[in-house]
Amino acid sequence: MAHAGGRPPKYSDALKLAEAIDDYFNSLVIDEEHSKPPTMAGLALAIGYADRRSLYDAEARKDEFAHIIKKARVTIENYWESRLATQSCTGAIFWLKNHADYKDKTQQELSAPEGIQIIYTVVGGK
């Protein structure tokens, strides 16, 4: 039977999705002192999605899975935030800017004599 709106959900039970996500995070632990970094792509692949976009789409559906996926995403974000306190945090900054909507704050003040219009274009910003 075809599913209205495309492919049927990967999981029919929220508990099974939560267990699959827990299994992913548990699989990252190497030993008591070492673990692999969690990633959105790694999570998506581990729970059976083809890519990160599919995971984001599942979260955006606002069904019973949205909270579970959002919590997993925030768990990954928390890992990368904690990396900001290390000496080599460039990768964490890059990850947070590209995946967690963090951005550099820029502030510009423009002024011109009365009657002159200032037109500016921001390149590469949001």
Foldseek 3Di string as FASTA:
>chain_A
DADPPHDDDPDPDLVVLLVQLVVLVVVQDPDPVGGHQDDLQSSCVSSPHPGSVVLVVVLVVPDPNVVSSVVSLVVNLVSLVVLVPDPPNPVSVVCCVVPVVDDDDDDDDDDDPPPDDDDDDDPPDD
